[in-house]
Amino acid sequence: MNKNELDPAWTESQLRDADWQTSSLSSGGTNCVQVAFLAQGIVALRDSKNIEKPAHLFTDDEYDAFVGGILSGELRRS
């Protein structure tokens, strides 16, 4: 799936009906990143403080690489 070729109407519908998840470590879900797993292997990320702004979309493989980088410490500030 090429996320750049998604139909905008499909994307809008998916995001509107998405089941947004917030980490259980979040304090009230108001200052964190939220994730939603959409159809067609697309993952959406958004800022819980700015939910009106567009979500960032990733393929499953891109999301797995992102999470893997966090877990391995690869994405930490030096």
C-alpha atoms as a PDB file:
ATOM      1  CA  MET A   1       0.000   0.000   0.000  1.00  0.00           C
ATOM      2  CA  ASN A   2       1.314   3.406  -0.978  1.00  0.00           C
ATOM      3  CA  LYS A   3      -0.089   5.873   1.538  1.00  0.00           C
ATOM      4  CA  ASN A   4       0.456   8.705  -0.949  1.00  0.00           C
ATOM      5  CA  GLU A   5      -2.152   7.181  -3.264  1.00  0.00           C
ATOM      6  CA  LEU A   6      -4.971   6.984  -0.713  1.00  0.00           C
ATOM      7  CA  ASP A   7      -8.312   8.474  -1.723  1.00  0.00           C
ATOM      8  CA  PRO A   8      -8.771  11.627   0.404  1.00  0.00           C
ATOM      9  CA  ALA A   9     -12.453  10.755   1.022  1.00  0.00           C
ATOM     10  CA  TRP A  10     -11.424   7.290   2.288  1.00  0.00           C
ATOM     11  CA  THR A  11      -8.768   8.825   4.536  1.00  0.00           C
ATOM     12  CA  GLU A  12     -11.214  11.385   5.950  1.00  0.00           C
ATOM     13  CA  SER A  13     -13.772   8.660   6.680  1.00  0.00           C
ATOM     14  CA  GLN A  14     -11.182   6.405   8.320  1.00  0.00           C
ATOM     15  CA  LEU A  15      -9.863   9.202  10.541  1.00  0.00           C
ATOM     16  CA  ARG A  16     -13.352  10.368  11.524  1.00  0.00           C
ATOM     17  CA  ASP A  17     -14.332   6.853  12.642  1.00  0.00           C
ATOM     18  CA  ALA A  18     -10.919   5.885  14.051  1.00  0.00           C
ATOM     19  CA  ASP A  19     -10.477   4.265  17.449  1.00  0.00           C
ATOM     20  CA  TRP A  20      -7.741   6.540  18.817  1.00  0.00           C
ATOM     21  CA  GLN A  21      -5.577   4.948  21.489  1.00  0.00           C
ATOM     22  CA  THR A  22      -3.600   6.759  24.147  1.00  0.00           C
ATOM     23  CA  SER A  23      -0.858   5.251  26.268  1.00  0.00           C
ATOM     24  CA  SER A  24      -1.974   4.106  29.702  1.00  0.00           C
ATOM     25  CA  LEU A  25       1.019   6.087  31.009  1.00  0.00           C
ATOM     26  CA  SER A  26      -0.527   9.332  29.788  1.00  0.00           C
ATOM     27  CA  SER A  27      -1.921  11.722  32.371  1.00  0.00           C
ATOM     28  CA  GLY A  28      -5.486  12.147  31.188  1.00  0.00           C
ATOM     29  CA  GLY A  29      -4.659  11.780  27.486  1.00  0.00           C
ATOM     30  CA  THR A  30      -4.158  15.495  26.919  1.00  0.00           C
ATOM     31  CA  ASN A  31      -0.417  15.765  26.350  1.00  0.00           C
ATOM     32  CA  CYS A  32       0.640  12.831  24.247  1.00  0.00           C
ATOM     33  CA  VAL A  33       0.625  11.074  20.908  1.00  0.00           C
ATOM     34  CA  GLN A  34      -2.425   9.055  19.941  1.00  0.00           C
ATOM     35  CA  VAL A  35      -2.413   6.152  17.490  1.00  0.00           C
ATOM     36  CA  ALA A  36      -5.159   4.613  15.359  1.00  0.00           C
ATOM     37  CA  PHE A  37      -4.856   1.478  13.245  1.00  0.00           C
ATOM     38  CA  LEU A  38      -6.822   2.031  10.037  1.00  0.00           C
ATOM     39  CA  ALA A  39      -7.837  -0.341   7.259  1.00  0.00           C
ATOM     40  CA  GLN A  40      -5.474  -1.236   4.402  1.00  0.00           C
ATOM     41  CA  GLY A  41      -2.423  -1.386   6.692  1.00  0.00           C
ATOM     42  CA  ILE A  42      -2.352   2.322   7.519  1.00  0.00           C
ATOM     43  CA  VAL A  43      -1.449   3.715  10.947  1.00  0.00           C
ATOM     44  CA  ALA A  44      -2.329   7.269  11.977  1.00  0.00           C
ATOM     45  CA  LEU A  45      -0.581   9.324  14.659  1.00  0.00           C
ATOM     46  CA  ARG A  46      -1.797  12.634  16.061  1.00  0.00           C
ATOM     47  CA  ASP A  47      -1.084  15.085  18.865  1.00  0.00           C
ATOM     48  CA  SER A  48      -3.774  14.844  21.549  1.00  0.00           C
ATOM     49  CA  LYS A  49      -3.530  18.613  22.149  1.00  0.00           C
ATOM     50  CA  ASN A  50      -4.136  19.435  18.476  1.00  0.00           C
ATOM     51  CA  ILE A  51      -6.581  16.824  17.185  1.00  0.00           C
ATOM     52  CA  GLU A  52      -7.917  19.252  14.572  1.00  0.00           C
ATOM     53  CA  LYS A  53      -4.555  19.184  12.776  1.00  0.00           C
ATOM     54  CA  PRO A  54      -3.907  16.482  10.164  1.00  0.00           C
ATOM     55  CA  ALA A  55      -2.747  13.116  11.453  1.00  0.00           C
ATOM     56  CA  HIS A  56       0.539  11.678  10.225  1.00  0.00           C
ATOM     57  CA  LEU A  57      -0.022   8.518   8.200  1.00  0.00           C
ATOM     58  CA  PHE A  58       2.349   5.552   8.060  1.00  0.00           C
ATOM     59  CA  THR A  59       2.269   2.137   6.469  1.00  0.00           C
ATOM     60  CA  ASP A  60       2.496  -0.793   8.882  1.00  0.00           C
ATOM     61  CA  ASP A  61       6.170  -1.259   7.928  1.00  0.00           C
ATOM     62  CA  GLU A  62       6.983   2.415   8.529  1.00  0.00           C
ATOM     63  CA  TYR A  63       5.216   2.357  11.893  1.00  0.00           C
ATOM     64  CA  ASP A  64       7.036  -0.831  12.923  1.00  0.00           C
ATOM     65  CA  ALA A  65      10.376   0.805  12.015  1.00  0.00           C
ATOM     66  CA  PHE A  66       9.443   3.931  14.010  1.00  0.00           C
ATOM     67  CA  VAL A  67       8.479   1.938  17.116  1.00  0.00           C
ATOM     68  CA  GLY A  68      11.575  -0.252  16.717  1.00  0.00           C
ATOM     69  CA  GLY A  69      13.762   2.860  16.603  1.00  0.00           C
ATOM     70  CA  ILE A  70      12.210   4.137  19.812  1.00  0.00           C
ATOM     71  CA  LEU A  71      12.609   0.811  21.606  1.00  0.00           C
ATOM     72  CA  SER A  72      16.237   0.421  20.550  1.00  0.00           C
ATOM     73  CA  GLY A  73      17.156   3.963  21.594  1.00  0.00           C
ATOM     74  CA  GLU A  74      17.981   4.897  18.002  1.00  0.00           C
ATOM     75  CA  LEU A  75      15.662   7.943  18.108  1.00  0.00           C
ATOM     76  CA  ARG A  76      16.980   9.553  21.283  1.00  0.00           C
ATOM     77  CA  ARG A  77      18.606  12.976  21.339  1.00  0.00           C
ATOM     78  CA  SER A  78      22.350  12.841  21.566  1.00  0.00           C
END
